[in-house]
Protein backbone atom coordinates (compact mmCIF):
# COMPACT_ATOMS: atom_id res chain seq x y z
CA MET A 1 133.53 129.78 182.24
CA THR A 2 132.76 131.13 179.02
CA THR A 3 130.04 129.15 176.42
CA ALA A 4 131.37 128.89 172.82
CA GLN A 5 128.94 130.60 170.15
CA PRO A 6 127.83 128.32 167.55
CA PRO A 7 129.11 128.81 163.89
CA VAL A 8 128.82 131.61 162.29
CA ASP A 9 127.51 130.90 158.54
CA LEU A 10 129.06 133.77 156.57
CA ASP A 11 127.65 132.50 153.06
CA VAL A 12 130.41 132.64 151.69
CA GLN A 13 130.69 131.28 148.54
CA PRO A 14 133.76 130.33 145.80
CA THR A 15 134.23 132.92 142.97
CA PRO A 16 134.81 132.02 139.29
CA LEU A 17 138.37 132.25 139.68
CA ALA A 18 139.32 130.54 142.95
CA LEU A 19 137.13 127.55 140.85
CA LEU A 20 138.54 127.60 138.37
CA LEU A 21 142.27 127.37 140.50
CA LEU A 22 140.39 124.61 142.13
CA GLY A 23 140.33 122.92 138.84
CA ARG A 24 136.43 122.47 139.16
CA GLU A 25 134.78 125.19 136.84
CA ALA A 26 135.75 125.03 132.95
CA ASP A 27 136.21 128.54 131.27
CA PRO A 28 136.55 127.47 127.71
CA ARG A 29 137.58 131.73 127.36
CA SER A 30 139.84 131.83 129.56
CA GLU A 31 143.62 129.79 129.78
CA ARG A 32 142.83 127.76 132.62
CA GLY A 33 141.44 124.22 132.13
CA VAL A 34 140.04 121.71 134.19
CA GLU A 35 141.32 117.97 135.61
CA CYS A 36 141.18 114.81 132.83
CA PRO A 37 137.94 113.40 132.00
CA GLY A 38 140.11 109.74 132.81
CA ASP A 39 141.96 108.23 134.58
CA LEU A 40 145.72 109.16 134.80
CA PRO A 41 148.70 106.44 135.39
CA GLU A 42 150.43 106.58 138.63
CA PRO A 43 153.50 108.11 138.29
CA SER A 44 155.05 105.85 140.46
CA ASP A 45 153.64 102.98 136.92
CA PRO A 46 157.96 101.63 136.18
CA ASP A 47 156.24 100.94 132.74
CA LEU A 48 154.41 104.50 131.69
CA VAL A 49 158.13 104.72 129.67
CA ALA A 50 157.92 101.75 127.94
CA ARG A 51 153.75 102.71 127.47
CA ALA A 52 154.37 106.18 126.43
CA ARG A 53 156.42 103.96 123.55
CA ALA A 54 154.31 101.56 122.39
CA ALA A 55 151.34 104.37 122.24
CA LYS A 56 153.36 105.74 120.05
CA GLU A 57 154.28 103.47 117.48
CA LYS A 58 151.12 102.08 117.57
CA LEU A 59 149.64 105.57 116.66
CA GLY A 60 152.50 105.52 113.79
CA GLU A 61 152.49 108.98 111.43
CA LYS A 62 149.13 109.80 113.00
CA VAL A 63 150.65 110.93 115.56
CA PHE A 64 152.79 114.65 115.15
CA VAL A 65 154.18 115.14 119.02
CA LEU A 66 155.27 118.65 119.61
CA GLY A 67 157.77 119.52 122.62
CA HIS A 68 158.49 122.64 124.19
CA HIS A 69 161.79 123.84 125.74
CA TYR A 70 160.47 123.88 128.79
CA GLN A 71 158.62 120.51 129.26
CA ARG A 72 160.54 117.89 131.69
CA ASP A 73 162.90 115.58 130.13
CA GLU A 74 160.82 112.91 130.28
CA VAL A 75 158.24 113.98 127.93
CA ILE A 76 160.79 116.26 125.56
CA GLN A 77 162.42 111.70 124.90
CA PHE A 78 159.21 111.57 123.76
CA ALA A 79 158.51 115.11 120.79
CA ASP A 80 158.52 114.38 117.26
CA VAL A 81 160.74 118.52 117.25
CA THR A 82 161.28 120.38 119.78
CA GLY A 83 160.36 124.53 120.00
CA ASP A 84 159.20 127.43 120.79
CA SER A 85 155.83 127.68 120.14
CA PHE A 86 155.78 129.25 117.22
CA LYS A 87 158.22 127.13 115.80
CA LEU A 88 156.08 123.74 116.88
CA ALA A 89 152.97 125.40 115.09
CA ARG A 90 154.74 125.95 112.14
CA ASP A 91 155.66 123.18 112.39
CA ALA A 92 152.43 121.57 113.02
CA ALA A 93 151.19 122.72 109.64
CA ALA A 94 154.37 121.20 108.03
CA ARG A 95 152.74 117.80 108.63
CA PRO A 96 148.51 117.15 106.40
CA GLU A 97 149.47 113.83 107.12
CA ALA A 98 149.50 113.93 110.75
CA GLU A 99 145.35 113.60 111.87
CA TYR A 100 146.93 114.31 115.41
CA ILE A 101 148.93 116.97 117.00
CA VAL A 102 149.89 116.58 120.30
CA PHE A 103 151.20 119.50 121.75
CA CYS A 104 152.77 119.78 124.84
CA GLY A 105 153.06 122.18 125.95
CA VAL A 106 150.32 124.63 127.13
CA HIS A 107 147.06 126.62 126.35
CA PHE A 108 147.88 129.80 123.99
CA MET A 109 149.63 126.98 121.72
CA ALA A 110 147.57 124.33 121.09
CA GLU A 111 145.51 127.61 119.74
CA SER A 112 148.59 128.77 117.94
CA ALA A 113 148.24 124.90 116.23
CA ASP A 114 144.70 124.28 115.88
CA ILE A 115 144.65 128.26 113.92
CA LEU A 116 147.44 127.40 111.86
CA THR A 117 146.93 123.34 111.15
CA SER A 118 143.83 121.82 108.68
CA ALA A 119 140.43 121.65 109.69
CA ARG A 120 141.92 117.64 109.81
CA GLN A 121 143.65 117.59 112.22
CA ARG A 122 143.05 117.56 115.56
CA VAL A 123 145.10 119.30 118.18
CA ILE A 124 145.38 117.64 121.89
CA LEU A 125 146.76 119.41 124.62
CA PRO A 126 147.05 116.15 127.55
CA ASP A 127 146.55 118.63 130.09
CA LEU A 128 143.99 121.33 129.82
CA ALA A 129 145.11 122.73 133.31
CA ALA A 130 148.53 123.33 131.34
CA GLY A 131 148.02 127.20 130.96
CA CYS A 132 150.41 130.38 131.03
CA SER A 133 149.86 133.23 134.17
CA MET A 134 151.44 136.05 131.38
CA ALA A 135 148.05 135.38 128.73
CA ASP A 136 145.50 134.64 131.52
CA MET A 137 146.50 138.68 132.36
CA ALA A 138 144.88 139.90 129.36
CA SER A 139 141.41 138.47 128.58
CA ALA A 140 138.90 139.93 125.60
CA GLU A 141 136.55 141.66 127.92
CA GLN A 142 139.26 143.61 129.15
CA VAL A 143 141.28 144.18 126.34
CA ALA A 144 138.01 145.97 124.45
CA GLU A 145 137.26 148.03 127.28
CA CYS A 146 140.94 149.59 126.78
CA TRP A 147 140.02 150.02 122.92
CA ASP A 148 136.71 152.12 124.91
CA VAL A 149 139.16 154.66 126.83
CA LEU A 150 141.69 154.90 123.78
CA THR A 151 139.24 156.10 121.77
CA GLU A 152 137.74 158.08 124.28
CA ALA A 153 141.18 159.65 124.93
CA GLY A 154 141.24 160.26 120.68
CA VAL A 155 143.78 157.70 120.14
CA ALA A 156 142.56 154.88 119.11
CA ASP A 157 142.77 155.69 115.21
CA GLN A 158 146.90 156.12 115.81
CA VAL A 159 147.18 153.13 118.08
CA VAL A 160 148.24 149.27 115.65
CA PRO A 161 147.56 146.20 118.27
CA VAL A 162 151.55 144.21 118.87
CA SER A 163 150.03 140.85 120.74
CA TYR A 164 153.29 138.83 121.79
CA MET A 165 152.84 135.57 120.63
CA ASN A 166 152.18 134.21 124.26
CA SER A 167 148.47 136.07 124.19
CA SER A 168 145.15 133.42 124.20
CA ALA A 169 143.53 133.92 120.11
CA ASP A 170 141.62 135.48 121.16
CA ILE A 171 143.22 138.11 121.77
CA LYS A 172 145.28 137.32 118.73
CA ALA A 173 141.54 137.97 117.13
CA PHE A 174 141.37 141.74 118.37
CA THR A 175 145.01 142.08 117.34
CA GLY A 176 143.43 141.07 113.76
CA ARG A 177 140.54 142.88 113.73
CA HIS A 178 142.65 146.10 114.80
CA GLY A 179 145.06 145.99 111.79
CA GLY A 180 148.00 145.00 114.08
CA THR A 181 150.40 141.46 114.24
CA ILE A 182 151.83 139.59 116.67
CA CYS A 183 155.35 138.94 117.77
CA THR A 184 157.81 136.62 118.92
CA SER A 185 160.65 137.71 121.44
CA SER A 186 163.17 136.88 118.29
CA ASN A 187 161.25 138.77 115.86
CA ALA A 188 159.19 142.00 118.52
CA LYS A 189 161.87 144.63 116.91
CA ARG A 190 160.44 144.82 113.31
CA ALA A 191 156.66 144.08 114.44
CA LEU A 192 157.27 147.27 116.16
CA GLU A 193 159.15 149.02 113.00
CA TRP A 194 156.42 147.46 111.17
CA ALA A 195 153.66 148.74 113.87
CA PHE A 196 154.87 152.46 113.68
CA ALA A 197 155.20 152.78 109.65
CA GLN A 198 151.35 152.22 109.79
CA GLY A 199 150.21 154.20 112.85
CA GLU A 200 151.62 156.51 115.40
CA LYS A 201 151.55 154.28 118.51
CA VAL A 202 151.51 150.92 120.01
CA LEU A 203 148.78 148.57 122.44
CA PHE A 204 151.20 146.15 123.35
CA LEU A 205 150.17 142.85 124.50
CA PRO A 206 150.33 141.59 127.22
CA ASP A 207 154.28 141.08 128.58
CA GLN A 208 155.71 144.69 129.45
CA HIS A 209 158.44 143.91 129.81
CA LEU A 210 159.09 142.37 126.10
CA GLY A 211 157.51 145.21 125.11
CA ARG A 212 159.97 148.17 127.06
CA ASN A 213 162.92 145.81 126.62
CA THR A 214 162.12 146.37 122.58
CA ALA A 215 161.83 150.43 121.79
CA VAL A 216 164.14 151.01 124.14
CA ARG A 217 166.70 148.92 124.07
CA ASP A 218 166.45 147.57 120.60
CA MET A 219 164.89 151.26 119.28
CA GLY A 220 166.51 153.45 121.16
CA MET A 221 163.40 155.05 122.62
CA SER A 222 163.28 155.90 126.21
CA LEU A 223 161.56 155.50 128.92
CA ASP A 224 159.30 158.18 128.75
CA ASP A 225 158.21 157.03 125.63
CA CYS A 226 156.18 154.19 127.64
CA VAL A 227 153.62 154.18 129.83
CA VAL A 228 152.17 151.18 131.21
CA TYR A 229 148.10 149.94 130.61
CA ASN A 230 146.37 148.61 134.15
CA PRO A 231 143.58 146.00 133.08
CA HIS A 232 142.46 146.76 136.69
CA LYS A 233 142.08 150.29 137.68
CA PRO A 234 139.86 152.91 135.85
CA ASN A 235 140.33 154.37 132.58
CA GLY A 236 143.77 151.17 132.75
CA GLY A 237 145.49 154.14 135.73
CA LEU A 238 147.05 157.22 133.20
CA THR A 239 145.26 160.48 132.59
CA THR A 240 144.06 161.44 128.49
CA GLU A 241 147.60 163.92 128.43
CA GLU A 242 149.64 160.31 129.27
CA LEU A 243 147.74 157.95 126.89
CA ARG A 244 148.22 161.32 124.00
CA ALA A 245 151.41 161.83 124.51
CA ALA A 246 153.25 157.87 125.02
CA ARG A 247 154.63 155.97 121.84
CA MET A 248 154.45 152.44 123.69
CA ILE A 249 151.06 151.24 125.73
CA LEU A 250 152.14 148.61 127.28
CA TRP A 251 149.73 146.12 129.40
CA ARG A 252 150.71 145.51 132.95
CA GLY A 253 151.16 141.72 132.13
CA HIS A 254 154.25 139.81 132.88
CA CYS A 255 155.91 136.20 132.68
CA SER A 256 156.23 134.34 136.14
CA VAL A 257 159.21 132.98 135.56
CA HIS A 258 161.32 135.29 133.48
CA GLY A 259 159.61 138.27 136.00
CA ARG A 260 161.36 136.66 139.07
CA PHE A 261 165.29 137.84 138.19
CA SER A 262 165.88 140.65 139.46
CA LEU A 263 169.09 142.43 139.39
CA ASP A 264 170.33 140.84 142.56
CA SER A 265 170.24 138.34 140.76
CA VAL A 266 172.88 139.68 138.56
CA HIS A 267 175.07 140.81 140.63
CA GLU A 268 175.47 137.93 143.38
CA VAL A 269 176.62 135.57 140.13
CA ARG A 270 179.06 137.33 139.19
CA GLU A 271 180.49 137.79 142.85
CA ARG A 272 180.19 134.32 142.23
CA ILE A 273 181.59 133.30 139.35
CA PRO A 274 184.08 135.37 137.47
CA GLY A 275 184.05 135.40 134.67
CA VAL A 276 180.41 134.41 134.11
CA ARG A 277 178.63 135.77 131.38
CA VAL A 278 175.25 136.37 131.91
CA LEU A 279 172.34 135.41 129.21
CA VAL A 280 168.86 136.64 130.03
CA HIS A 281 165.39 136.69 128.26
CA PRO A 282 163.59 139.13 127.12
CA GLU A 283 160.76 138.66 129.37
CA CYS A 284 162.67 139.94 132.09
CA ARG A 285 162.86 143.25 133.99
CA HIS A 286 164.28 145.99 132.36
CA GLU A 287 166.89 146.71 134.51
CA VAL A 288 168.35 142.99 134.75
CA VAL A 289 168.22 143.31 130.81
CA THR A 290 170.05 146.22 130.64
CA ALA A 291 172.76 144.43 133.27
CA ALA A 292 172.75 141.38 131.32
CA ASP A 293 176.00 140.61 128.31
CA GLU A 294 173.33 139.51 126.17
CA VAL A 295 170.18 139.38 126.10
CA GLY A 296 167.70 136.78 123.31
CA SER A 297 164.61 134.21 122.53
CA THR A 298 165.01 130.61 123.68
CA GLU A 299 166.38 129.75 119.79
CA TYR A 300 168.96 132.71 120.31
CA ILE A 301 169.85 131.40 124.70
CA ILE A 302 169.89 127.89 122.30
CA LYS A 303 172.79 128.70 119.64
CA ALA A 304 174.82 131.25 121.56
CA LEU A 305 175.67 128.21 124.16
CA ASP A 306 176.00 126.09 121.44
CA ALA A 307 178.54 127.93 119.92
CA ALA A 308 180.06 129.56 123.29
CA PRO A 309 184.47 128.03 123.25
CA ALA A 310 184.67 125.29 125.64
CA GLY A 311 185.40 126.57 129.23
CA SER A 312 183.21 129.80 128.91
CA LYS A 313 180.96 130.45 131.84
CA TRP A 314 177.52 131.27 131.76
CA ALA A 315 174.17 131.97 133.67
CA ILE A 316 171.60 131.97 131.99
CA GLY A 317 167.65 134.43 132.83
CA THR A 318 165.23 131.21 131.59
CA GLU A 319 163.27 129.20 132.00
CA LEU A 320 165.35 126.34 134.62
CA ASN A 321 164.47 122.76 132.66
CA LEU A 322 166.03 124.34 129.31
CA VAL A 323 168.90 125.39 131.53
CA ARG A 324 169.42 122.59 132.95
CA ARG A 325 169.14 120.31 129.56
CA LEU A 326 171.76 122.44 128.11
CA ALA A 327 173.83 122.44 130.90
CA LYS A 328 173.80 118.56 130.35
CA ALA A 329 174.20 119.23 126.55
CA HIS A 330 177.00 121.23 127.76
CA PRO A 331 179.46 119.38 130.35
CA ASP A 332 182.85 121.71 128.68
CA LYS A 333 181.29 125.01 129.27
CA GLU A 334 179.74 125.85 133.04
CA ILE A 335 176.41 126.77 132.65
CA VAL A 336 174.49 127.71 135.44
CA PHE A 337 170.96 128.79 136.78
CA LEU A 338 171.17 133.17 136.69
CA ASP A 339 168.52 132.68 140.37
CA ARG A 340 169.96 130.61 143.38
CA THR A 341 166.24 130.09 144.01
CA VAL A 342 164.65 127.09 142.00
CA CYS A 343 161.76 127.82 139.28
CA PHE A 344 160.24 125.87 137.13
CA CYS A 345 157.02 127.55 135.13
CA SER A 346 154.79 125.51 136.95
CA THR A 347 151.90 125.61 134.08
CA MET A 348 154.47 123.83 131.16
CA ASN A 349 155.17 121.54 134.20
CA ARG A 350 151.84 120.51 134.68
CA ILE A 351 152.02 118.68 131.15
CA ASP A 352 154.35 115.08 132.78
CA LEU A 353 154.67 111.51 131.25
CA PRO A 354 151.43 110.65 133.56
CA HIS A 355 149.20 112.82 131.18
CA LEU A 356 150.93 111.80 127.44
CA VAL A 357 150.47 107.98 128.14
CA TRP A 358 146.68 108.45 129.07
CA THR A 359 146.35 110.98 125.71
CA LEU A 360 148.23 107.88 123.91
CA GLU A 361 146.84 106.04 124.69
CA SER A 362 143.54 106.97 124.44
CA LEU A 363 143.86 108.25 120.90
CA ALA A 364 145.66 104.84 120.03
CA GLU A 365 142.53 103.28 121.16
CA GLY A 366 140.52 105.80 119.11
CA LYS A 367 139.30 108.16 121.62
CA VAL A 368 140.14 111.70 121.24
CA VAL A 369 140.82 113.62 124.47
CA ASN A 370 141.01 117.62 125.36
CA ARG A 371 140.92 118.82 121.27
CA ILE A 372 142.08 122.45 121.01
CA ALA A 373 139.22 123.93 118.81
CA VAL A 374 139.45 127.64 117.85
CA ASP A 375 135.49 128.65 116.94
CA ALA A 376 135.59 129.93 113.41
CA GLU A 377 135.11 133.86 113.50
CA THR A 378 138.29 133.60 116.24
CA GLU A 379 140.53 131.51 114.02
CA LYS A 380 138.90 133.72 111.41
CA TYR A 381 141.21 136.96 112.65
CA ALA A 382 144.15 135.46 114.57
CA LYS A 383 145.52 134.16 111.33
CA GLU A 384 145.28 137.08 109.79
CA ALA A 385 147.04 138.13 112.59
CA LEU A 386 149.44 136.14 112.80
CA GLU A 387 150.12 136.24 108.53
CA ARG A 388 150.67 139.19 108.85
CA MET A 389 153.60 138.47 111.29
CA LEU A 390 155.02 135.93 108.41
CA ALA A 391 154.60 138.38 106.18
CA LEU A 392 157.72 140.71 107.83
CA PRO A 393 160.56 141.54 106.21
């Protein structure tokens, strides 16, 4: 017979990251946040739609609700405008009479809206934990260390940073300080052409797939022109010789939704649906983009399906909420999700009807909740980078 041993105290303490993921800590420089500081309505409340409508009507022109394409239908129905992240930020700036900008999207999008709107406007994110895993893959400290590595390799003065819109305000500000520009998935080629007119190399942040696909597919570079900087390895996992030879230095980041599509997904859907056309977002892996029939931004995908003939068949490689909405809007076409495994953007889906109702009702009562405010210095340099993008031909 064995005697039970007393439990061993391992003195294990949760890491800051673990606490963040559990919603028990806050990091103002992070894409992640904390739970709401108020009582949310129950998701089962049958009056949620009526409550949201009543609060929005009470606020009138004081509120402007932005809905990203990847949002749930229950949220999209209350959006004054829908679109991708940059279009929505610009739409907000074009509505100076709106005191409150409620951004139904994720953290970096709300930051961009705050940067582009006036000082009197207040940008609100219904759930502060609605972040972006891709944006989280590049912190300000990691990117500063990367620049030190480039400096030690003797190439920093040849490098122009180009940062995807899907990045934090800190990364946009870094880009602005170092003479770089921001890009979207629809103007990435123009941004790279501009950057290579300024320098010999590009540091592309934070999505390696968009950078690689644009350089190789759209600009005729080779895969050998690209190297991947891994912030979790010494010197990014690269030698000085590799950095000196590279034209595109790609940050090791990716979209958790688009990165899951595989070449097998493409082959499987072609076998299952004869005559199907595969249309994917450029955040997908290079082999997926190469195998697709068409590649384009979210807006491109929407316009392509709007223009497609009746009876055509499409497999779409982007977020599932949007694909479902497009299929519903085009009953005369067969539109399916590229992967047979369901995949929503988990952080985008944190914005739900209870959070939206809580936000609108709080604003209607004069309480500003979950405000996203970028500090003045960060805003200054981030805006410089955004303005360079706006000036692209």
